[in-house]
Amino acid sequence: MNLLEEYYNNRDEDARLLSQHGQVEYLTTMKYIHECLSGFPSADILEVGAGTGRYSIALAKEGYPVTAVELVPHNLDVLRSKLDGTEPLTAVQGNALDLSAFKDRSFDVTMLLGPMYHLYTEEDKRQALSEAVRVTRPGGYILVAYCMNEPTVIQYVFLGNHLNDVTEKSDLLTDDWHCRSEPEEIFDLVRTEDISRLNSGFPVDRVKLVAADGAAHYLSGFIDAMDDYTFAKWMEYHFATCERQDLIGASNHTLDILKVRG
């Protein structure tokens, strides 16, 4: 068993997105998925790194044909356990770096909402993007999620009181406070300029780069305690500000929305 499998075998991934502060990321991501889908009378969807199916199953229940690819067997088992057989969803084990099971230009919308969290080299990230571009039809969309650097520095290093831990290991931080990640850290962290560099050279145009959860993780306890009215107002505020580029790098998660050139 590798480190990634061990991590997800012992984690309730659904609980993260079902908490009220986790709903910010989920509702934001679904909002922009639906914006992309609105341009198609019908759409074939591929989710690479589908996890336990939070997005894939919801979209399949809306009637979209979905192919869900997941690397971790435990997550795939959980995903399949949620299906009642009526959903137009095919779930398979696979790797974001090799989508050779799928033909070129097979999907209208391709989603990588988790793989970039766990790819530690620029070469692997670009390979995952290359495969996503290959299997997406011209005019289709690719939605890519990232974990951002600055919230981790603020929350883990300072608020979590791990300053001594990270400064004693000179390989964990660069001089300008960019986190370095290895597989044992589980998550790889980026800045907005890293995302733009990854996209360079591919036949895609950025539609939007969105703060998927904004300040939700900083204020998780406060947001989880909100009543329905206050939470609805928080979402109203979040949607009004989540495309502001001056705030993107402070969000724990971002969503990069790309359109494949025709």
C-alpha atoms as a PDB file:
ATOM      1  CA  MET A   1       0.000   0.000   0.000  1.00  0.00           C
ATOM      2  CA  ASN A   2       1.419   3.416  -0.929  1.00  0.00           C
ATOM      3  CA  LEU A   3       1.178   6.616   1.116  1.00  0.00           C
ATOM      4  CA  LEU A   4      -1.738   7.978  -0.907  1.00  0.00           C
ATOM      5  CA  GLU A   5      -3.799   4.814  -0.470  1.00  0.00           C
ATOM      6  CA  GLU A   6      -3.051   4.748   3.260  1.00  0.00           C
ATOM      7  CA  TYR A   7      -4.144   8.371   3.579  1.00  0.00           C
ATOM      8  CA  TYR A   8      -7.490   7.887   1.833  1.00  0.00           C
ATOM      9  CA  ASN A   9      -8.158   4.512   3.448  1.00  0.00           C
ATOM     10  CA  ASN A  10      -8.254   6.339   6.774  1.00  0.00           C
ATOM     11  CA  ARG A  11     -10.071   9.490   5.706  1.00  0.00           C
ATOM     12  CA  ASP A  12     -13.760  10.271   5.280  1.00  0.00           C
ATOM     13  CA  GLU A  13     -13.464  12.381   2.144  1.00  0.00           C
ATOM     14  CA  ASP A  14     -17.224  12.845   1.887  1.00  0.00           C
ATOM     15  CA  ALA A  15     -17.327  14.451   5.339  1.00  0.00           C
ATOM     16  CA  ARG A  16     -14.958  17.203   4.179  1.00  0.00           C
ATOM     17  CA  LEU A  17     -17.294  18.375   1.407  1.00  0.00           C
ATOM     18  CA  LEU A  18     -20.458  17.798   3.450  1.00  0.00           C
ATOM     19  CA  SER A  19     -19.393  20.055   6.331  1.00  0.00           C
ATOM     20  CA  GLN A  20     -20.781  23.555   5.991  1.00  0.00           C
ATOM     21  CA  HIS A  21     -17.353  25.080   5.296  1.00  0.00           C
ATOM     22  CA  GLY A  22     -16.665  22.233   2.826  1.00  0.00           C
ATOM     23  CA  GLN A  23     -19.903  23.067   1.068  1.00  0.00           C
ATOM     24  CA  VAL A  24     -18.335  26.356  -0.036  1.00  0.00           C
ATOM     25  CA  GLU A  25     -15.847  24.466  -2.215  1.00  0.00           C
ATOM     26  CA  TYR A  26     -18.470  21.993  -3.410  1.00  0.00           C
ATOM     27  CA  LEU A  27     -21.126  24.584  -4.301  1.00  0.00           C
ATOM     28  CA  THR A  28     -18.546  26.787  -6.030  1.00  0.00           C
ATOM     29  CA  THR A  29     -17.132  23.937  -8.079  1.00  0.00           C
ATOM     30  CA  MET A  30     -20.604  22.753  -9.095  1.00  0.00           C
ATOM     31  CA  LYS A  31     -21.582  26.303 -10.082  1.00  0.00           C
ATOM     32  CA  TYR A  32     -18.692  26.521 -12.540  1.00  0.00           C
ATOM     33  CA  ILE A  33     -19.132  22.956 -13.794  1.00  0.00           C
ATOM     34  CA  HIS A  34     -22.706  23.865 -14.688  1.00  0.00           C
ATOM     35  CA  GLU A  35     -21.533  27.033 -16.430  1.00  0.00           C
ATOM     36  CA  CYS A  36     -19.295  24.896 -18.638  1.00  0.00           C
ATOM     37  CA  LEU A  37     -22.043  22.340 -19.271  1.00  0.00           C
ATOM     38  CA  SER A  38     -24.533  25.032 -20.266  1.00  0.00           C
ATOM     39  CA  GLY A  39     -22.835  25.357 -23.644  1.00  0.00           C
ATOM     40  CA  PHE A  40     -23.734  21.805 -24.678  1.00  0.00           C
ATOM     41  CA  PRO A  41     -27.179  20.350 -25.465  1.00  0.00           C
ATOM     42  CA  SER A  42     -25.777  17.163 -23.919  1.00  0.00           C
ATOM     43  CA  ALA A  43     -22.283  16.493 -22.644  1.00  0.00           C
ATOM     44  CA  ASP A  44     -19.990  13.555 -22.045  1.00  0.00           C
ATOM     45  CA  ILE A  45     -18.095  14.092 -18.785  1.00  0.00           C
ATOM     46  CA  LEU A  46     -14.834  12.560 -17.602  1.00  0.00           C
ATOM     47  CA  GLU A  47     -13.747  12.983 -14.002  1.00  0.00           C
ATOM     48  CA  VAL A  48     -10.154  11.949 -13.388  1.00  0.00           C
ATOM     49  CA  GLY A  49      -9.424  11.398  -9.719  1.00  0.00           C
ATOM     50  CA  ALA A  50     -13.106  11.067  -8.864  1.00  0.00           C
ATOM     51  CA  GLY A  51     -12.485  10.139  -5.237  1.00  0.00           C
ATOM     52  CA  THR A  52     -15.641   8.790  -3.623  1.00  0.00           C
ATOM     53  CA  GLY A  53     -17.839  10.285  -6.321  1.00  0.00           C
ATOM     54  CA  ARG A  54     -19.158  13.483  -4.770  1.00  0.00           C
ATOM     55  CA  TYR A  55     -19.150  15.299  -8.127  1.00  0.00           C
ATOM     56  CA  SER A  56     -19.472  12.392 -10.563  1.00  0.00           C
ATOM     57  CA  ILE A  57     -22.518  10.900  -8.892  1.00  0.00           C
ATOM     58  CA  ALA A  58     -24.277  14.258  -8.536  1.00  0.00           C
ATOM     59  CA  LEU A  59     -23.775  14.969 -12.240  1.00  0.00           C
ATOM     60  CA  ALA A  60     -24.846  11.471 -13.265  1.00  0.00           C
ATOM     61  CA  LYS A  61     -28.024  11.883 -11.217  1.00  0.00           C
ATOM     62  CA  GLU A  62     -28.708  15.003 -13.284  1.00  0.00           C
ATOM     63  CA  GLY A  63     -28.640  12.764 -16.356  1.00  0.00           C
ATOM     64  CA  TYR A  64     -25.153  13.460 -17.704  1.00  0.00           C
ATOM     65  CA  PRO A  65     -23.185  10.433 -18.902  1.00  0.00           C
ATOM     66  CA  VAL A  66     -20.118  10.363 -16.640  1.00  0.00           C
ATOM     67  CA  THR A  67     -16.951   8.297 -16.692  1.00  0.00           C
ATOM     68  CA  ALA A  68     -15.262   8.359 -13.278  1.00  0.00           C
ATOM     69  CA  VAL A  69     -11.594   7.359 -13.056  1.00  0.00           C
ATOM     70  CA  GLU A  70     -10.086   6.822  -9.604  1.00  0.00           C
ATOM     71  CA  LEU A  71      -6.652   5.582  -8.574  1.00  0.00           C
ATOM     72  CA  VAL A  72      -7.313   4.483  -4.968  1.00  0.00           C
ATOM     73  CA  PRO A  73      -9.257   1.188  -4.696  1.00  0.00           C
ATOM     74  CA  HIS A  74     -10.881   2.179  -1.379  1.00  0.00           C
ATOM     75  CA  ASN A  75     -12.298   5.371  -2.879  1.00  0.00           C
ATOM     76  CA  LEU A  76     -13.529   3.452  -5.914  1.00  0.00           C
ATOM     77  CA  ASP A  77     -15.310   0.921  -3.675  1.00  0.00           C
ATOM     78  CA  VAL A  78     -17.034   3.736  -1.778  1.00  0.00           C
ATOM     79  CA  LEU A  79     -18.074   5.398  -5.031  1.00  0.00           C
ATOM     80  CA  ARG A  80     -19.567   2.194  -6.422  1.00  0.00           C
ATOM     81  CA  SER A  81     -21.401   1.499  -3.158  1.00  0.00           C
ATOM     82  CA  LYS A  82     -23.402   4.703  -3.636  1.00  0.00           C
ATOM     83  CA  LEU A  83     -24.781   3.722  -7.042  1.00  0.00           C
ATOM     84  CA  ASP A  84     -28.202   2.161  -7.452  1.00  0.00           C
ATOM     85  CA  GLY A  85     -27.633   1.115 -11.060  1.00  0.00           C
ATOM     86  CA  THR A  86     -29.826   3.753 -12.668  1.00  0.00           C
ATOM     87  CA  GLU A  87     -27.095   6.398 -13.028  1.00  0.00           C
ATOM     88  CA  PRO A  88     -25.353   6.789 -16.419  1.00  0.00           C
ATOM     89  CA  LEU A  89     -21.988   6.424 -14.704  1.00  0.00           C
ATOM     90  CA  THR A  90     -19.039   4.159 -15.472  1.00  0.00           C
ATOM     91  CA  ALA A  91     -16.433   3.881 -12.708  1.00  0.00           C
ATOM     92  CA  VAL A  92     -12.977   2.497 -13.482  1.00  0.00           C
ATOM     93  CA  GLN A  93      -9.611   2.370 -11.791  1.00  0.00           C
ATOM     94  CA  GLY A  94      -7.013   4.469 -13.552  1.00  0.00           C
ATOM     95  CA  ASN A  95      -4.240   7.014 -13.350  1.00  0.00           C
ATOM     96  CA  ALA A  96      -4.288  10.672 -14.407  1.00  0.00           C
ATOM     97  CA  LEU A  97      -0.911  10.184 -16.080  1.00  0.00           C
ATOM     98  CA  ASP A  98      -2.196   7.531 -18.464  1.00  0.00           C
ATOM     99  CA  LEU A  99      -5.669   7.839 -19.969  1.00  0.00           C
ATOM    100  CA  SER A 100      -4.827   5.565 -22.896  1.00  0.00           C
ATOM    101  CA  ALA A 101      -8.054   3.640 -22.246  1.00  0.00           C
ATOM    102  CA  PHE A 102      -9.850   6.623 -23.805  1.00  0.00           C
ATOM    103  CA  LYS A 103      -9.692   7.801 -27.395  1.00  0.00           C
ATOM    104  CA  ASP A 104      -8.691  11.294 -28.428  1.00  0.00           C
ATOM    105  CA  ARG A 105     -11.474  13.891 -28.264  1.00  0.00           C
ATOM    106  CA  SER A 106     -13.897  11.657 -26.362  1.00  0.00           C
ATOM    107  CA  PHE A 107     -15.313  14.104 -23.788  1.00  0.00           C
ATOM    108  CA  ASP A 108     -16.894  17.542 -23.709  1.00  0.00           C
ATOM    109  CA  VAL A 109     -15.884  18.290 -20.119  1.00  0.00           C
ATOM    110  CA  THR A 110     -12.879  16.779 -18.341  1.00  0.00           C
ATOM    111  CA  MET A 111     -12.379  17.381 -14.630  1.00  0.00           C
ATOM    112  CA  LEU A 112      -9.193  16.940 -12.611  1.00  0.00           C
ATOM    113  CA  LEU A 113     -10.452  17.935  -9.176  1.00  0.00           C
ATOM    114  CA  GLY A 114      -7.874  15.988  -7.190  1.00  0.00           C
ATOM    115  CA  PRO A 115      -4.900  14.659  -9.173  1.00  0.00           C
ATOM    116  CA  MET A 116      -2.877  17.887  -9.079  1.00  0.00           C
ATOM    117  CA  TYR A 117      -2.936  17.730  -5.278  1.00  0.00           C
ATOM    118  CA  HIS A 118      -0.809  14.587  -5.377  1.00  0.00           C
ATOM    119  CA  LEU A 119       1.563  15.055  -8.316  1.00  0.00           C
ATOM    120  CA  TYR A 120       4.924  16.299  -7.117  1.00  0.00           C
ATOM    121  CA  THR A 121       6.839  17.166 -10.273  1.00  0.00           C
ATOM    122  CA  GLU A 122       6.098  19.637 -13.018  1.00  0.00           C
ATOM    123  CA  GLU A 123       6.658  16.826 -15.511  1.00  0.00           C
ATOM    124  CA  ASP A 124       3.870  14.736 -13.962  1.00  0.00           C
ATOM    125  CA  LYS A 125       1.495  17.687 -13.724  1.00  0.00           C
ATOM    126  CA  ARG A 126       2.069  18.529 -17.388  1.00  0.00           C
ATOM    127  CA  GLN A 127       1.571  14.872 -18.317  1.00  0.00           C
ATOM    128  CA  ALA A 128      -1.796  14.874 -16.547  1.00  0.00           C
ATOM    129  CA  LEU A 129      -2.769  18.083 -18.353  1.00  0.00           C
ATOM    130  CA  SER A 130      -1.563  16.657 -21.654  1.00  0.00           C
ATOM    131  CA  GLU A 131      -3.765  13.602 -21.243  1.00  0.00           C
ATOM    132  CA  ALA A 132      -6.743  15.755 -20.270  1.00  0.00           C
ATOM    133  CA  VAL A 133      -6.266  17.926 -23.344  1.00  0.00           C
ATOM    134  CA  ARG A 134      -5.936  14.868 -25.572  1.00  0.00           C
ATOM    135  CA  VAL A 135      -9.227  13.285 -24.489  1.00  0.00           C
ATOM    136  CA  THR A 136     -11.227  16.543 -24.562  1.00  0.00           C
ATOM    137  CA  ARG A 137     -12.980  17.685 -27.714  1.00  0.00           C
ATOM    138  CA  PRO A 138     -12.121  21.060 -29.281  1.00  0.00           C
ATOM    139  CA  GLY A 139     -14.406  23.636 -27.712  1.00  0.00           C
ATOM    140  CA  GLY A 140     -14.674  21.522 -24.581  1.00  0.00           C
ATOM    141  CA  TYR A 141     -13.619  22.447 -21.078  1.00  0.00           C
ATOM    142  CA  ILE A 142     -11.024  21.192 -18.618  1.00  0.00           C
ATOM    143  CA  LEU A 143     -11.481  22.052 -14.945  1.00  0.00           C
ATOM    144  CA  VAL A 144      -8.398  21.617 -12.779  1.00  0.00           C
ATOM    145  CA  ALA A 145      -8.257  22.013  -8.985  1.00  0.00           C
ATOM    146  CA  TYR A 146      -5.131  22.987  -7.062  1.00  0.00           C
ATOM    147  CA  CYS A 147      -4.097  23.343  -3.418  1.00  0.00           C
ATOM    148  CA  MET A 148      -2.521  26.715  -2.781  1.00  0.00           C
ATOM    149  CA  ASN A 149       0.712  27.536  -0.998  1.00  0.00           C
ATOM    150  CA  GLU A 150      -0.050  30.591   1.143  1.00  0.00           C
ATOM    151  CA  PRO A 151      -3.004  29.229   3.152  1.00  0.00           C
ATOM    152  CA  THR A 152      -0.836  26.278   4.177  1.00  0.00           C
ATOM    153  CA  VAL A 153       1.973  28.543   5.353  1.00  0.00           C
ATOM    154  CA  ILE A 154      -0.477  30.672   7.324  1.00  0.00           C
ATOM    155  CA  GLN A 155      -2.587  27.870   8.776  1.00  0.00           C
ATOM    156  CA  TYR A 156      -0.126  25.005   9.221  1.00  0.00           C
ATOM    157  CA  VAL A 157       3.142  26.805   9.897  1.00  0.00           C
ATOM    158  CA  PHE A 158       1.895  29.729  11.991  1.00  0.00           C
ATOM    159  CA  LEU A 159      -1.617  29.003  13.285  1.00  0.00           C
ATOM    160  CA  GLY A 160      -0.766  25.308  13.714  1.00  0.00           C
ATOM    161  CA  ASN A 161       2.437  26.174  15.576  1.00  0.00           C
ATOM    162  CA  HIS A 162       4.719  24.147  13.284  1.00  0.00           C
ATOM    163  CA  LEU A 163       7.227  26.911  12.636  1.00  0.00           C
ATOM    164  CA  ASN A 164      10.090  25.091  14.363  1.00  0.00           C
ATOM    165  CA  ASP A 165       9.278  21.838  12.552  1.00  0.00           C
ATOM    166  CA  VAL A 166       9.493  23.364   9.084  1.00  0.00           C
ATOM    167  CA  THR A 167      12.415  25.702   9.704  1.00  0.00           C
ATOM    168  CA  GLU A 168      14.505  22.839  11.086  1.00  0.00           C
ATOM    169  CA  LYS A 169      14.024  21.022   7.766  1.00  0.00           C
ATOM    170  CA  SER A 170      15.608  23.314   5.210  1.00  0.00           C
ATOM    171  CA  ASP A 171      14.180  21.272   2.337  1.00  0.00           C
ATOM    172  CA  LEU A 172      10.540  22.079   3.194  1.00  0.00           C
ATOM    173  CA  LEU A 173      10.552  25.795   2.333  1.00  0.00           C
ATOM    174  CA  THR A 174      12.312  27.953  -0.222  1.00  0.00           C
ATOM    175  CA  ASP A 175      13.729  31.332   0.743  1.00  0.00           C
ATOM    176  CA  ASP A 176      10.537  32.987  -0.523  1.00  0.00           C
ATOM    177  CA  TRP A 177       8.316  30.623   1.517  1.00  0.00           C
ATOM    178  CA  HIS A 178       7.205  28.295  -1.243  1.00  0.00           C
ATOM    179  CA  CYS A 179       6.505  24.877   0.227  1.00  0.00           C
ATOM    180  CA  ARG A 180       8.365  21.922  -1.233  1.00  0.00           C
ATOM    181  CA  SER A 181       6.454  18.659  -1.219  1.00  0.00           C
ATOM    182  CA  GLU A 182       7.354  15.003  -1.410  1.00  0.00           C
ATOM    183  CA  PRO A 183       4.919  12.048  -1.397  1.00  0.00           C
ATOM    184  CA  GLU A 184       5.125  11.769   2.405  1.00  0.00           C
ATOM    185  CA  GLU A 185       3.596  15.262   2.641  1.00  0.00           C
ATOM    186  CA  ILE A 186       0.627  13.901   0.584  1.00  0.00           C
ATOM    187  CA  PHE A 187      -0.285  17.304  -0.893  1.00  0.00           C
ATOM    188  CA  ASP A 188       1.638  19.448  -3.350  1.00  0.00           C
ATOM    189  CA  LEU A 189       1.140  23.211  -3.091  1.00  0.00           C
ATOM    190  CA  VAL A 190       1.289  25.834  -5.818  1.00  0.00           C
ATOM    191  CA  ARG A 191       1.024  29.530  -6.482  1.00  0.00           C
ATOM    192  CA  THR A 192      -0.912  31.195  -9.288  1.00  0.00           C
ATOM    193  CA  GLU A 193       2.242  31.685 -11.354  1.00  0.00           C
ATOM    194  CA  ASP A 194       2.941  27.945 -11.115  1.00  0.00           C
ATOM    195  CA  ILE A 195      -0.491  27.201 -12.568  1.00  0.00           C
ATOM    196  CA  SER A 196       0.029  29.609 -15.458  1.00  0.00           C
ATOM    197  CA  ARG A 197       3.411  28.063 -16.204  1.00  0.00           C
ATOM    198  CA  LEU A 198       1.892  24.570 -16.272  1.00  0.00           C
ATOM    199  CA  ASN A 199      -0.684  25.678 -18.841  1.00  0.00           C
ATOM    200  CA  SER A 200       1.879  27.168 -21.203  1.00  0.00           C
ATOM    201  CA  GLY A 201       2.322  25.389 -24.497  1.00  0.00           C
ATOM    202  CA  PHE A 202      -1.010  23.564 -24.437  1.00  0.00           C
ATOM    203  CA  PRO A 203      -3.766  24.412 -26.952  1.00  0.00           C
ATOM    204  CA  VAL A 204      -6.023  25.852 -24.264  1.00  0.00           C
ATOM    205  CA  ASP A 205      -7.245  29.266 -23.195  1.00  0.00           C
ATOM    206  CA  ARG A 206      -8.022  30.119 -19.601  1.00  0.00           C
ATOM    207  CA  VAL A 207     -11.648  31.030 -19.086  1.00  0.00           C
ATOM    208  CA  LYS A 208     -11.384  31.767 -15.366  1.00  0.00           C
ATOM    209  CA  LEU A 209      -9.213  31.058 -12.345  1.00  0.00           C
ATOM    210  CA  VAL A 210     -11.510  30.880  -9.339  1.00  0.00           C
ATOM    211  CA  ALA A 211     -11.031  30.801  -5.570  1.00  0.00           C
ATOM    212  CA  ALA A 212     -12.991  27.636  -4.863  1.00  0.00           C
ATOM    213  CA  ASP A 213     -13.336  28.150  -1.120  1.00  0.00           C
ATOM    214  CA  GLY A 214     -11.861  31.575  -0.379  1.00  0.00           C
ATOM    215  CA  ALA A 215     -11.596  32.150   3.366  1.00  0.00           C
ATOM    216  CA  ALA A 216     -13.740  29.139   4.283  1.00  0.00           C
ATOM    217  CA  HIS A 217     -10.910  27.073   5.786  1.00  0.00           C
ATOM    218  CA  TYR A 218      -9.526  29.989   7.783  1.00  0.00           C
ATOM    219  CA  LEU A 219     -12.990  30.436   9.306  1.00  0.00           C
ATOM    220  CA  SER A 220     -14.158  26.803   9.282  1.00  0.00           C
ATOM    221  CA  GLY A 221     -15.464  26.718  12.857  1.00  0.00           C
ATOM    222  CA  PHE A 222     -17.246  30.024  12.436  1.00  0.00           C
ATOM    223  CA  ILE A 223     -18.807  28.960   9.121  1.00  0.00           C
ATOM    224  CA  ASP A 224     -19.869  25.556  10.453  1.00  0.00           C
ATOM    225  CA  ALA A 225     -21.748  27.350  13.261  1.00  0.00           C
ATOM    226  CA  MET A 226     -23.657  29.678  10.906  1.00  0.00           C
ATOM    227  CA  ASP A 227     -27.422  29.434  10.677  1.00  0.00           C
ATOM    228  CA  ASP A 228     -28.953  28.918   7.239  1.00  0.00           C
ATOM    229  CA  TYR A 229     -29.575  32.610   6.605  1.00  0.00           C
ATOM    230  CA  THR A 230     -26.037  33.640   7.515  1.00  0.00           C
ATOM    231  CA  PHE A 231     -24.508  30.836   5.469  1.00  0.00           C
ATOM    232  CA  ALA A 232     -26.601  31.850   2.446  1.00  0.00           C
ATOM    233  CA  LYS A 233     -25.265  35.402   2.851  1.00  0.00           C
ATOM    234  CA  TRP A 234     -21.715  34.053   3.160  1.00  0.00           C
ATOM    235  CA  MET A 235     -22.163  32.204  -0.127  1.00  0.00           C
ATOM    236  CA  GLU A 236     -23.536  35.393  -1.677  1.00  0.00           C
ATOM    237  CA  TYR A 237     -20.392  37.226  -0.560  1.00  0.00           C
ATOM    238  CA  HIS A 238     -18.135  34.389  -1.704  1.00  0.00           C
ATOM    239  CA  PHE A 239     -19.654  34.223  -5.193  1.00  0.00           C
ATOM    240  CA  ALA A 240     -19.308  38.013  -5.479  1.00  0.00           C
ATOM    241  CA  THR A 241     -15.569  37.827  -4.761  1.00  0.00           C
ATOM    242  CA  CYS A 242     -14.320  34.384  -5.834  1.00  0.00           C
ATOM    243  CA  GLU A 243     -13.188  35.590  -9.272  1.00  0.00           C
ATOM    244  CA  ARG A 244     -11.197  38.537  -7.910  1.00  0.00           C
ATOM    245  CA  GLN A 245      -7.632  37.804  -8.948  1.00  0.00           C
ATOM    246  CA  ASP A 246      -6.153  39.731  -6.017  1.00  0.00           C
ATOM    247  CA  LEU A 247      -7.669  37.125  -3.668  1.00  0.00           C
ATOM    248  CA  ILE A 248      -6.975  33.907  -5.577  1.00  0.00           C
ATOM    249  CA  GLY A 249      -3.685  32.936  -3.943  1.00  0.00           C
ATOM    250  CA  ALA A 250      -5.180  33.188  -0.452  1.00  0.00           C
ATOM    251  CA  SER A 251      -7.804  30.508  -1.155  1.00  0.00           C
ATOM    252  CA  ASN A 252      -7.030  26.958   0.012  1.00  0.00           C
ATOM    253  CA  HIS A 253      -8.307  25.562  -3.274  1.00  0.00           C
ATOM    254  CA  THR A 254      -8.484  27.097  -6.726  1.00  0.00           C
ATOM    255  CA  LEU A 255     -10.310  25.989  -9.846  1.00  0.00           C
ATOM    256  CA  ASP A 256      -8.626  26.641 -13.197  1.00  0.00           C
ATOM    257  CA  ILE A 257     -11.128  26.559 -16.065  1.00  0.00           C
ATOM    258  CA  LEU A 258      -9.605  25.977 -19.491  1.00  0.00           C
ATOM    259  CA  LYS A 259     -11.188  25.784 -22.938  1.00  0.00           C
ATOM    260  CA  VAL A 260      -9.616  23.570 -25.592  1.00  0.00           C
ATOM    261  CA  ARG A 261      -8.986  25.443 -28.800  1.00  0.00           C
ATOM    262  CA  GLY A 262     -10.904  24.363 -31.857  1.00  0.00           C
END
